[in-house]
PDB file of all heavy atoms in Angstrom:
ATOM      1  N   ALA A   1      -0.235 -75.450 -23.610  1.00  0.00           N
ATOM      2  CA  ALA A   1      -1.191 -75.487 -22.552  1.00  0.00           C
ATOM      3  C   ALA A   1      -0.688 -75.766 -21.288  1.00  0.00           C
ATOM      4  O   ALA A   1      -1.094 -75.209 -20.233  1.00  0.00           O
ATOM      5  CB  ALA A   1      -2.255 -76.605 -23.123  1.00  0.00           C
ATOM      6  N   HIS A   2       0.416 -76.729 -21.247  1.00  0.00           N
ATOM      7  CA  HIS A   2       1.001 -76.944 -19.987  1.00  0.00           C
ATOM      8  C   HIS A   2       1.714 -75.722 -19.392  1.00  0.00           C
ATOM      9  O   HIS A   2       1.645 -75.368 -18.177  1.00  0.00           O
ATOM     10  CB  HIS A   2       2.141 -78.057 -20.109  1.00  0.00           C
ATOM     11  CG  HIS A   2       2.936 -78.323 -18.864  1.00  0.00           C
ATOM     12  ND1 HIS A   2       2.268 -79.012 -17.792  1.00  0.00           N
ATOM     13  CD2 HIS A   2       4.190 -78.015 -18.543  1.00  0.00           C
ATOM     14  CE1 HIS A   2       3.220 -78.991 -16.864  1.00  0.00           C
ATOM     15  NE2 HIS A   2       4.373 -78.486 -17.278  1.00  0.00           N
ATOM     16  N   GLU A   3       2.384 -74.945 -20.223  1.00  0.00           N
ATOM     17  CA  GLU A   3       2.952 -73.682 -19.830  1.00  0.00           C
ATOM     18  C   GLU A   3       1.893 -72.785 -19.257  1.00  0.00           C
ATOM     19  O   GLU A   3       2.169 -72.078 -18.283  1.00  0.00           O
ATOM     20  CB  GLU A   3       3.612 -72.994 -21.190  1.00  0.00           C
ATOM     21  CG  GLU A   3       4.368 -71.745 -20.815  1.00  0.00           C
ATOM     22  CD  GLU A   3       4.931 -71.189 -22.160  1.00  0.00           C
ATOM     23  OE1 GLU A   3       5.089 -71.844 -23.190  1.00  0.00           O
ATOM     24  OE2 GLU A   3       5.338 -69.872 -22.127  1.00  0.00           O
ATOM     25  N   LEU A   4       0.800 -72.621 -19.966  1.00  0.00           N
ATOM     26  CA  LEU A   4      -0.288 -71.688 -19.389  1.00  0.00           C
ATOM     27  C   LEU A   4      -0.889 -72.214 -18.096  1.00  0.00           C
ATOM     28  O   LEU A   4      -1.282 -71.528 -17.267  1.00  0.00           O
ATOM     29  CB  LEU A   4      -1.343 -71.550 -20.441  1.00  0.00           C
ATOM     30  CG  LEU A   4      -0.935 -70.750 -21.741  1.00  0.00           C
ATOM     31  CD1 LEU A   4      -2.058 -70.793 -22.778  1.00  0.00           C
ATOM     32  CD2 LEU A   4      -0.494 -69.321 -21.439  1.00  0.00           C
ATOM     33  N   GLN A   5      -0.878 -73.595 -17.978  1.00  0.00           N
ATOM     34  CA  GLN A   5      -1.321 -74.225 -16.740  1.00  0.00           C
ATOM     35  C   GLN A   5      -0.548 -73.876 -15.611  1.00  0.00           C
ATOM     36  O   GLN A   5      -0.980 -73.652 -14.484  1.00  0.00           O
ATOM     37  CB  GLN A   5      -1.649 -75.654 -16.923  1.00  0.00           C
ATOM     38  CG  GLN A   5      -2.455 -76.365 -15.902  1.00  0.00           C
ATOM     39  CD  GLN A   5      -2.780 -77.837 -16.266  1.00  0.00           C
ATOM     40  OE1 GLN A   5      -2.319 -78.399 -17.279  1.00  0.00           O
ATOM     41  NE2 GLN A   5      -3.593 -78.437 -15.423  1.00  0.00           N
ATOM     42  N   VAL A   6       0.892 -74.051 -15.689  1.00  0.00           N
ATOM     43  CA  VAL A   6       1.814 -73.579 -14.810  1.00  0.00           C
ATOM     44  C   VAL A   6       1.683 -72.308 -14.300  1.00  0.00           C
ATOM     45  O   VAL A   6       1.706 -72.050 -13.140  1.00  0.00           O
ATOM     46  CB  VAL A   6       3.148 -74.026 -15.234  1.00  0.00           C
ATOM     47  CG1 VAL A   6       4.216 -73.462 -14.316  1.00  0.00           C
ATOM     48  CG2 VAL A   6       3.406 -75.476 -15.462  1.00  0.00           C
ATOM     49  N   ALA A   7       1.455 -71.336 -15.183  1.00  0.00           N
ATOM     50  CA  ALA A   7       1.140 -70.009 -14.921  1.00  0.00           C
ATOM     51  C   ALA A   7      -0.215 -69.664 -14.370  1.00  0.00           C
ATOM     52  O   ALA A   7      -0.512 -68.433 -13.937  1.00  0.00           O
ATOM     53  CB  ALA A   7       1.475 -69.115 -16.138  1.00  0.00           C
ATOM     54  N   GLU A   8      -1.051 -70.764 -14.212  1.00  0.00           N
ATOM     55  CA  GLU A   8      -2.435 -70.516 -13.741  1.00  0.00           C
ATOM     56  C   GLU A   8      -3.262 -69.715 -14.666  1.00  0.00           C
ATOM     57  O   GLU A   8      -4.178 -69.285 -14.048  1.00  0.00           O
ATOM     58  CB  GLU A   8      -2.466 -70.025 -12.252  1.00  0.00           C
ATOM     59  CG  GLU A   8      -1.624 -71.017 -11.321  1.00  0.00           C
ATOM     60  CD  GLU A   8      -1.623 -70.571  -9.857  1.00  0.00           C
ATOM     61  OE1 GLU A   8      -2.049 -69.415  -9.545  1.00  0.00           O
ATOM     62  OE2 GLU A   8      -1.171 -71.190  -8.988  1.00  0.00           O
ATOM     63  N   PHE A   9      -2.991 -69.735 -15.906  1.00  0.00           N
ATOM     64  CA  PHE A   9      -3.802 -68.976 -16.892  1.00  0.00           C
ATOM     65  C   PHE A   9      -5.022 -69.832 -17.524  1.00  0.00           C
ATOM     66  O   PHE A   9      -5.937 -69.306 -17.981  1.00  0.00           O
ATOM     67  CB  PHE A   9      -2.926 -68.412 -17.973  1.00  0.00           C
ATOM     68  CG  PHE A   9      -1.996 -67.324 -17.522  1.00  0.00           C
ATOM     69  CD1 PHE A   9      -0.927 -66.982 -18.342  1.00  0.00           C
ATOM     70  CD2 PHE A   9      -2.214 -66.632 -16.477  1.00  0.00           C
ATOM     71  CE1 PHE A   9      -0.030 -66.001 -17.986  1.00  0.00           C
ATOM     72  CE2 PHE A   9      -1.335 -65.580 -16.026  1.00  0.00           C
ATOM     73  CZ  PHE A   9      -0.339 -65.218 -16.790  1.00  0.00           C
ATOM     74  N   VAL A  10      -4.750 -71.149 -17.463  1.00  0.00           N
ATOM     75  CA  VAL A  10      -5.798 -72.116 -17.861  1.00  0.00           C
ATOM     76  C   VAL A  10      -5.872 -73.263 -16.878  1.00  0.00           C
ATOM     77  O   VAL A  10      -5.063 -73.510 -16.064  1.00  0.00           O
ATOM     78  CB  VAL A  10      -5.441 -72.593 -19.329  1.00  0.00           C
ATOM     79  CG1 VAL A  10      -5.452 -71.540 -20.347  1.00  0.00           C
ATOM     80  CG2 VAL A  10      -4.286 -73.501 -19.221  1.00  0.00           C
ATOM     81  N   ILE A  11      -7.082 -73.881 -17.075  1.00  0.00           N
ATOM     82  CA  ILE A  11      -7.357 -75.127 -16.341  1.00  0.00           C
ATOM     83  C   ILE A  11      -7.444 -76.203 -17.444  1.00  0.00           C
ATOM     84  O   ILE A  11      -8.113 -75.937 -18.494  1.00  0.00           O
ATOM     85  CB  ILE A  11      -8.647 -75.100 -15.499  1.00  0.00           C
ATOM     86  CG1 ILE A  11      -8.515 -74.034 -14.459  1.00  0.00           C
ATOM     87  CG2 ILE A  11      -9.009 -76.398 -14.986  1.00  0.00           C
ATOM     88  CD1 ILE A  11      -9.779 -73.735 -13.724  1.00  0.00           C
ATOM     89  N   SER A  12      -6.837 -77.386 -17.250  1.00  0.00           N
ATOM     90  CA  SER A  12      -6.919 -78.386 -18.283  1.00  0.00           C
ATOM     91  C   SER A  12      -7.664 -79.590 -17.759  1.00  0.00           C
ATOM     92  O   SER A  12      -7.372 -80.149 -16.573  1.00  0.00           O
ATOM     93  CB  SER A  12      -5.463 -78.871 -18.602  1.00  0.00           C
ATOM     94  OG  SER A  12      -5.469 -79.895 -19.574  1.00  0.00           O
ATOM     95  N   TYR A  13      -8.563 -80.100 -18.558  1.00  0.00           N
ATOM     96  CA  TYR A  13      -9.417 -81.311 -18.196  1.00  0.00           C
ATOM     97  C   TYR A  13      -9.128 -82.399 -19.270  1.00  0.00           C
ATOM     98  O   TYR A  13      -9.368 -82.198 -20.501  1.00  0.00           O
ATOM     99  CB  TYR A  13     -10.874 -81.040 -18.126  1.00  0.00           C
ATOM    100  CG  TYR A  13     -11.203 -79.877 -17.408  1.00  0.00           C
ATOM    101  CD1 TYR A  13     -11.521 -78.609 -17.785  1.00  0.00           C
ATOM    102  CD2 TYR A  13     -11.472 -80.026 -16.000  1.00  0.00           C
ATOM    103  CE1 TYR A  13     -11.854 -77.640 -17.079  1.00  0.00           C
ATOM    104  CE2 TYR A  13     -11.827 -78.980 -15.195  1.00  0.00           C
ATOM    105  CZ  TYR A  13     -12.097 -77.783 -15.735  1.00  0.00           C
ATOM    106  OH  TYR A  13     -12.455 -76.628 -14.861  1.00  0.00           O
ATOM    107  N   PRO A  14      -8.412 -83.425 -18.830  1.00  0.00           N
ATOM    108  CA  PRO A  14      -8.066 -84.608 -19.717  1.00  0.00           C
ATOM    109  C   PRO A  14      -9.411 -85.074 -20.420  1.00  0.00           C
ATOM    110  O   PRO A  14     -10.518 -85.203 -19.799  1.00  0.00           O
ATOM    111  CB  PRO A  14      -7.543 -85.648 -18.859  1.00  0.00           C
ATOM    112  CG  PRO A  14      -7.125 -85.004 -17.604  1.00  0.00           C
ATOM    113  CD  PRO A  14      -8.078 -83.926 -17.516  1.00  0.00           C
ATOM    114  N   MET A  15      -9.191 -85.453 -21.711  1.00  0.00           N
ATOM    115  CA  MET A  15     -10.419 -86.050 -22.537  1.00  0.00           C
ATOM    116  C   MET A  15     -10.001 -87.413 -22.985  1.00  0.00           C
ATOM    117  O   MET A  15      -8.947 -87.622 -23.310  1.00  0.00           O
ATOM    118  CB  MET A  15     -10.680 -85.081 -23.678  1.00  0.00           C
ATOM    119  CG  MET A  15     -11.195 -83.700 -23.369  1.00  0.00           C
ATOM    120  SD  MET A  15     -11.353 -82.683 -24.909  1.00  0.00           S
ATOM    121  CE  MET A  15     -12.625 -83.619 -25.942  1.00  0.00           C
ATOM    122  N   LYS A  16     -10.998 -88.288 -22.854  1.00  0.00           N
ATOM    123  CA  LYS A  16     -10.825 -89.692 -23.349  1.00  0.00           C
ATOM    124  C   LYS A  16     -11.549 -89.739 -24.716  1.00  0.00           C
ATOM    125  O   LYS A  16     -12.683 -90.341 -24.915  1.00  0.00           O
ATOM    126  CB  LYS A  16     -11.255 -90.660 -22.368  1.00  0.00           C
ATOM    127  CG  LYS A  16     -10.658 -90.678 -21.078  1.00  0.00           C
ATOM    128  CD  LYS A  16     -11.230 -91.626 -20.094  1.00  0.00           C
ATOM    129  CE  LYS A  16     -10.361 -91.555 -18.829  1.00  0.00           C
ATOM    130  NZ  LYS A  16     -10.887 -92.474 -17.749  1.00  0.00           N
ATOM    131  N   ASP A  17     -10.967 -89.262 -25.755  1.00  0.00           N
ATOM    132  CA  ASP A  17     -11.569 -89.299 -27.181  1.00  0.00           C
ATOM    133  C   ASP A  17     -10.793 -90.066 -28.068  1.00  0.00           C
ATOM    134  O   ASP A  17     -11.067 -90.020 -29.273  1.00  0.00           O
ATOM    135  CB  ASP A  17     -11.654 -87.775 -27.650  1.00  0.00           C
ATOM    136  CG  ASP A  17     -10.403 -87.091 -27.740  1.00  0.00           C
ATOM    137  OD1 ASP A  17      -9.391 -87.589 -27.484  1.00  0.00           O
ATOM    138  OD2 ASP A  17     -10.434 -86.018 -28.282  1.00  0.00           O
ATOM    139  N   GLY A  18      -9.800 -90.774 -27.605  1.00  0.00           N
ATOM    140  CA  GLY A  18      -9.033 -91.674 -28.570  1.00  0.00           C
ATOM    141  C   GLY A  18      -7.989 -90.982 -29.430  1.00  0.00           C
ATOM    142  O   GLY A  18      -7.337 -91.493 -30.332  1.00  0.00           O
ATOM    143  N   SER A  19      -7.724 -89.683 -29.208  1.00  0.00           N
ATOM    144  CA  SER A  19      -6.737 -88.963 -30.008  1.00  0.00           C
ATOM    145  C   SER A  19      -5.392 -89.492 -29.631  1.00  0.00           C
ATOM    146  O   SER A  19      -5.091 -89.747 -28.372  1.00  0.00           O
ATOM    147  CB  SER A  19      -6.935 -87.502 -29.828  1.00  0.00           C
ATOM    148  OG  SER A  19      -6.633 -87.126 -28.493  1.00  0.00           O
ATOM    149  N   PRO A  20      -4.507 -89.574 -30.570  1.00  0.00           N
ATOM    150  CA  PRO A  20      -3.114 -90.097 -30.298  1.00  0.00           C
ATOM    151  C   PRO A  20      -2.227 -89.137 -29.508  1.00  0.00           C
ATOM    152  O   PRO A  20      -1.211 -89.520 -28.984  1.00  0.00           O
ATOM    153  CB  PRO A  20      -2.499 -90.284 -31.775  1.00  0.00           C
ATOM    154  CG  PRO A  20      -3.265 -89.386 -32.456  1.00  0.00           C
ATOM    155  CD  PRO A  20      -4.734 -89.279 -31.945  1.00  0.00           C
ATOM    156  N   PHE A  21      -2.696 -87.804 -29.351  1.00  0.00           N
ATOM    157  CA  PHE A  21      -1.745 -86.952 -28.677  1.00  0.00           C
ATOM    158  C   PHE A  21      -2.218 -86.365 -27.254  1.00  0.00           C
ATOM    159  O   PHE A  21      -1.788 -85.599 -26.686  1.00  0.00           O
ATOM    160  CB  PHE A  21      -1.597 -85.670 -29.570  1.00  0.00           C
ATOM    161  CG  PHE A  21      -2.908 -84.968 -29.905  1.00  0.00           C
ATOM    162  CD1 PHE A  21      -3.604 -84.151 -29.089  1.00  0.00           C
ATOM    163  CD2 PHE A  21      -3.466 -85.320 -31.194  1.00  0.00           C
ATOM    164  CE1 PHE A  21      -4.716 -83.561 -29.483  1.00  0.00           C
ATOM    165  CE2 PHE A  21      -4.685 -84.758 -31.582  1.00  0.00           C
ATOM    166  CZ  PHE A  21      -5.269 -83.866 -30.735  1.00  0.00           C
ATOM    167  N   GLY A  22      -3.209 -87.146 -26.710  1.00  0.00           N
ATOM    168  CA  GLY A  22      -3.727 -86.755 -25.326  1.00  0.00           C
ATOM    169  C   GLY A  22      -4.544 -85.475 -25.337  1.00  0.00           C
ATOM    170  O   GLY A  22      -4.070 -84.510 -24.711  1.00  0.00           O
ATOM    171  N   ASN A  23      -5.546 -85.505 -25.960  1.00  0.00           N
ATOM    172  CA  ASN A  23      -6.469 -84.285 -26.093  1.00  0.00           C
ATOM    173  C   ASN A  23      -6.857 -83.811 -24.731  1.00  0.00           C
ATOM    174  O   ASN A  23      -6.949 -84.617 -23.767  1.00  0.00           O
ATOM    175  CB  ASN A  23      -7.718 -84.619 -27.008  1.00  0.00           C
ATOM    176  CG  ASN A  23      -8.225 -83.324 -27.499  1.00  0.00           C
ATOM    177  OD1 ASN A  23      -7.731 -82.264 -27.412  1.00  0.00           O
ATOM    178  ND2 ASN A  23      -9.438 -83.581 -28.201  1.00  0.00           N
ATOM    179  N   ALA A  24      -7.068 -82.563 -24.557  1.00  0.00           N
ATOM    180  CA  ALA A  24      -7.603 -81.981 -23.269  1.00  0.00           C
ATOM    181  C   ALA A  24      -8.561 -80.784 -23.629  1.00  0.00           C
ATOM    182  O   ALA A  24      -8.401 -80.198 -24.598  1.00  0.00           O
ATOM    183  CB  ALA A  24      -6.501 -81.445 -22.408  1.00  0.00           C
ATOM    184  N   MET A  25      -9.520 -80.554 -22.544  1.00  0.00           N
ATOM    185  CA  MET A  25     -10.351 -79.495 -22.780  1.00  0.00           C
ATOM    186  C   MET A  25      -9.750 -78.406 -21.863  1.00  0.00           C
ATOM    187  O   MET A  25      -9.282 -78.563 -20.687  1.00  0.00           O
ATOM    188  CB  MET A  25     -11.692 -79.788 -22.165  1.00  0.00           C
ATOM    189  CG  MET A  25     -12.772 -78.684 -22.230  1.00  0.00           C
ATOM    190  SD  MET A  25     -13.123 -78.148 -23.843  1.00  0.00           S
ATOM    191  CE  MET A  25     -13.996 -79.521 -24.550  1.00  0.00           C
ATOM    192  N   LEU A  26      -9.612 -77.209 -22.464  1.00  0.00           N
ATOM    193  CA  LEU A  26      -9.031 -76.023 -21.783  1.00  0.00           C
ATOM    194  C   LEU A  26      -9.980 -74.943 -21.501  1.00  0.00           C
ATOM    195  O   LEU A  26     -10.923 -74.734 -22.193  1.00  0.00           O
ATOM    196  CB  LEU A  26      -7.861 -75.393 -22.686  1.00  0.00           C
ATOM    197  CG  LEU A  26      -6.827 -76.359 -23.111  1.00  0.00           C
ATOM    198  CD1 LEU A  26      -5.825 -75.526 -24.071  1.00  0.00           C
ATOM    199  CD2 LEU A  26      -6.041 -76.985 -22.009  1.00  0.00           C
ATOM    200  N   GLU A  27      -9.811 -74.422 -20.318  1.00  0.00           N
ATOM    201  CA  GLU A  27     -10.653 -73.274 -19.862  1.00  0.00           C
ATOM    202  C   GLU A  27      -9.751 -72.185 -19.330  1.00  0.00           C
ATOM    203  O   GLU A  27      -8.920 -72.317 -18.556  1.00  0.00           O
ATOM    204  CB  GLU A  27     -11.631 -73.764 -18.796  1.00  0.00           C
ATOM    205  CG  GLU A  27     -12.469 -72.772 -18.249  1.00  0.00           C
ATOM    206  CD  GLU A  27     -13.529 -73.191 -17.227  1.00  0.00           C
ATOM    207  OE1 GLU A  27     -13.443 -74.413 -16.855  1.00  0.00           O
ATOM    208  OE2 GLU A  27     -14.272 -72.263 -16.697  1.00  0.00           O
ATOM    209  N   ILE A  28      -9.966 -70.905 -19.908  1.00  0.00           N
ATOM    210  CA  ILE A  28      -9.256 -69.806 -19.336  1.00  0.00           C
ATOM    211  C   ILE A  28      -9.683 -69.431 -17.992  1.00  0.00           C
ATOM    212  O   ILE A  28     -10.870 -69.479 -17.696  1.00  0.00           O
ATOM    213  CB  ILE A  28      -9.315 -68.605 -20.413  1.00  0.00           C
ATOM    214  CG1 ILE A  28      -8.183 -67.502 -20.098  1.00  0.00           C
ATOM    215  CG2 ILE A  28     -10.659 -67.915 -20.409  1.00  0.00           C
ATOM    216  CD1 ILE A  28      -8.048 -66.546 -21.147  1.00  0.00           C
ATOM    217  N   THR A  29      -8.731 -69.046 -17.163  1.00  0.00           N
ATOM    218  CA  THR A  29      -9.003 -68.612 -15.790  1.00  0.00           C
ATOM    219  C   THR A  29      -9.132 -67.062 -15.641  1.00  0.00           C
ATOM    220  O   THR A  29      -8.745 -66.359 -16.602  1.00  0.00           O
ATOM    221  CB  THR A  29      -7.931 -69.024 -14.876  1.00  0.00           C
ATOM    222  OG1 THR A  29      -6.717 -68.430 -15.131  1.00  0.00           O
ATOM    223  CG2 THR A  29      -7.698 -70.596 -14.836  1.00  0.00           C
ATOM    224  N   GLN A  30      -9.682 -66.513 -14.579  1.00  0.00           N
ATOM    225  CA  GLN A  30      -9.724 -65.204 -14.453  1.00  0.00           C
ATOM    226  C   GLN A  30      -8.209 -64.553 -14.318  1.00  0.00           C
ATOM    227  O   GLN A  30      -8.063 -63.491 -14.944  1.00  0.00           O
ATOM    228  CB  GLN A  30     -10.345 -64.822 -13.117  1.00  0.00           C
ATOM    229  CG  GLN A  30     -10.675 -63.287 -12.907  1.00  0.00           C
ATOM    230  CD  GLN A  30     -11.476 -62.716 -14.051  1.00  0.00           C
ATOM    231  OE1 GLN A  30     -12.524 -63.159 -14.291  1.00  0.00           O
ATOM    232  NE2 GLN A  30     -11.088 -61.580 -14.643  1.00  0.00           N
ATOM    233  N   LYS A  31      -7.338 -65.258 -13.913  1.00  0.00           N
ATOM    234  CA  LYS A  31      -5.880 -64.723 -13.944  1.00  0.00           C
ATOM    235  C   LYS A  31      -5.508 -64.623 -15.416  1.00  0.00           C
ATOM    236  O   LYS A  31      -4.767 -63.723 -15.818  1.00  0.00           O
ATOM    237  CB  LYS A  31      -4.932 -65.747 -13.175  1.00  0.00           C
ATOM    238  CG  LYS A  31      -3.673 -65.264 -13.077  1.00  0.00           C
ATOM    239  CD  LYS A  31      -2.836 -66.203 -12.170  1.00  0.00           C
ATOM    240  CE  LYS A  31      -1.372 -65.722 -11.991  1.00  0.00           C
ATOM    241  NZ  LYS A  31      -0.593 -66.619 -11.087  1.00  0.00           N
ATOM    242  N   GLY A  32      -5.871 -65.567 -16.207  1.00  0.00           N
ATOM    243  CA  GLY A  32      -5.553 -65.485 -17.549  1.00  0.00           C
ATOM    244  C   GLY A  32      -6.116 -64.251 -18.391  1.00  0.00           C
ATOM    245  O   GLY A  32      -5.563 -63.582 -19.151  1.00  0.00           O
ATOM    246  N   LEU A  33      -7.317 -64.085 -17.996  1.00  0.00           N
ATOM    247  CA  LEU A  33      -8.179 -62.966 -18.515  1.00  0.00           C
ATOM    248  C   LEU A  33      -7.653 -61.682 -18.128  1.00  0.00           C
ATOM    249  O   LEU A  33      -7.445 -60.719 -18.914  1.00  0.00           O
ATOM    250  CB  LEU A  33      -9.646 -63.031 -18.160  1.00  0.00           C
ATOM    251  CG  LEU A  33     -10.422 -64.144 -18.793  1.00  0.00           C
ATOM    252  CD1 LEU A  33     -11.773 -64.306 -18.070  1.00  0.00           C
ATOM    253  CD2 LEU A  33     -10.570 -63.908 -20.235  1.00  0.00           C
ATOM    254  N   ASP A  34      -7.244 -61.594 -16.839  1.00  0.00           N
ATOM    255  CA  ASP A  34      -6.522 -60.361 -16.210  1.00  0.00           C
ATOM    256  C   ASP A  34      -5.235 -60.146 -17.001  1.00  0.00           C
ATOM    257  O   ASP A  34      -4.855 -58.959 -17.219  1.00  0.00           O
ATOM    258  CB  ASP A  34      -6.351 -60.515 -14.749  1.00  0.00           C
ATOM    259  CG  ASP A  34      -7.718 -60.511 -13.973  1.00  0.00           C
ATOM    260  OD1 ASP A  34      -8.673 -60.020 -14.574  1.00  0.00           O
ATOM    261  OD2 ASP A  34      -7.643 -60.877 -12.829  1.00  0.00           O
ATOM    262  N   PHE A  35      -4.495 -61.245 -17.216  1.00  0.00           N
ATOM    263  CA  PHE A  35      -3.212 -61.066 -17.814  1.00  0.00           C
ATOM    264  C   PHE A  35      -3.467 -60.479 -19.330  1.00  0.00           C
ATOM    265  O   PHE A  35      -2.659 -59.511 -19.672  1.00  0.00           O
ATOM    266  CB  PHE A  35      -2.466 -62.312 -17.949  1.00  0.00           C
ATOM    267  CG  PHE A  35      -1.125 -62.250 -18.733  1.00  0.00           C
ATOM    268  CD1 PHE A  35      -0.042 -61.902 -18.006  1.00  0.00           C
ATOM    269  CD2 PHE A  35      -1.043 -62.570 -20.060  1.00  0.00           C
ATOM    270  CE1 PHE A  35       1.273 -61.707 -18.670  1.00  0.00           C
ATOM    271  CE2 PHE A  35       0.196 -62.401 -20.734  1.00  0.00           C
ATOM    272  CZ  PHE A  35       1.304 -62.115 -19.959  1.00  0.00           C
ATOM    273  N   ILE A  36      -4.282 -61.026 -20.004  1.00  0.00           N
ATOM    274  CA  ILE A  36      -4.679 -60.520 -21.312  1.00  0.00           C
ATOM    275  C   ILE A  36      -5.026 -59.060 -21.299  1.00  0.00           C
ATOM    276  O   ILE A  36      -4.507 -58.097 -22.105  1.00  0.00           O
ATOM    277  CB  ILE A  36      -5.634 -61.313 -22.040  1.00  0.00           C
ATOM    278  CG1 ILE A  36      -5.149 -62.533 -22.520  1.00  0.00           C
ATOM    279  CG2 ILE A  36      -6.227 -60.568 -23.194  1.00  0.00           C
ATOM    280  CD1 ILE A  36      -6.176 -63.648 -22.941  1.00  0.00           C
ATOM    281  N   LYS A  37      -5.924 -58.619 -20.383  1.00  0.00           N
ATOM    282  CA  LYS A  37      -6.349 -57.239 -20.295  1.00  0.00           C
ATOM    283  C   LYS A  37      -5.258 -56.360 -19.956  1.00  0.00           C
ATOM    284  O   LYS A  37      -5.193 -55.149 -20.488  1.00  0.00           O
ATOM    285  CB  LYS A  37      -7.419 -57.142 -19.183  1.00  0.00           C
ATOM    286  CG  LYS A  37      -8.075 -55.861 -18.996  1.00  0.00           C
ATOM    287  CD  LYS A  37      -9.127 -55.910 -17.900  1.00  0.00           C
ATOM    288  CE  LYS A  37      -9.830 -54.601 -17.713  1.00  0.00           C
ATOM    289  NZ  LYS A  37     -10.739 -54.510 -16.699  1.00  0.00           N
ATOM    290  N   THR A  38      -4.336 -56.675 -19.202  1.00  0.00           N
ATOM    291  CA  THR A  38      -3.228 -55.893 -18.744  1.00  0.00           C
ATOM    292  C   THR A  38      -2.024 -55.843 -19.740  1.00  0.00           C
ATOM    293  O   THR A  38      -1.520 -54.898 -19.994  1.00  0.00           O
ATOM    294  CB  THR A  38      -2.620 -56.434 -17.482  1.00  0.00           C
ATOM    295  OG1 THR A  38      -3.704 -56.401 -16.422  1.00  0.00           O
ATOM    296  CG2 THR A  38      -1.459 -55.524 -16.990  1.00  0.00           C
ATOM    297  N   TYR A  39      -1.885 -56.907 -20.529  1.00  0.00           N
ATOM    298  CA  TYR A  39      -0.695 -56.995 -21.378  1.00  0.00           C
ATOM    299  C   TYR A  39      -0.972 -57.296 -22.865  1.00  0.00           C
ATOM    300  O   TYR A  39      -0.174 -57.808 -23.607  1.00  0.00           O
ATOM    301  CB  TYR A  39       0.234 -58.221 -20.906  1.00  0.00           C
ATOM    302  CG  TYR A  39       0.722 -57.877 -19.490  1.00  0.00           C
ATOM    303  CD1 TYR A  39       0.308 -58.495 -18.350  1.00  0.00           C
ATOM    304  CD2 TYR A  39       1.811 -56.910 -19.277  1.00  0.00           C
ATOM    305  CE1 TYR A  39       0.821 -58.263 -17.131  1.00  0.00           C
ATOM    306  CE2 TYR A  39       2.337 -56.689 -18.132  1.00  0.00           C
ATOM    307  CZ  TYR A  39       1.813 -57.388 -17.003  1.00  0.00           C
ATOM    308  OH  TYR A  39       2.217 -57.047 -15.781  1.00  0.00           O
ATOM    309  N   VAL A  40      -2.283 -56.976 -23.216  1.00  0.00           N
ATOM    310  CA  VAL A  40      -2.694 -57.334 -24.684  1.00  0.00           C
ATOM    311  C   VAL A  40      -1.745 -56.700 -25.602  1.00  0.00           C
ATOM    312  O   VAL A  40      -1.403 -57.365 -26.620  1.00  0.00           O
ATOM    313  CB  VAL A  40      -4.155 -57.002 -24.854  1.00  0.00           C
ATOM    314  CG1 VAL A  40      -4.436 -55.563 -24.910  1.00  0.00           C
ATOM    315  CG2 VAL A  40      -4.629 -57.694 -26.201  1.00  0.00           C
TER     316      VAL A  40
END
């Protein structure tokens, strides 16, 4: 997710759900969708 966030393919929103690994909500960006469409 960090790799995709650096590439601006996703947006990450931290979640406070008590998970031991630092859960996050992810959302794909238009840039991510365009990448998939071009390089699927």
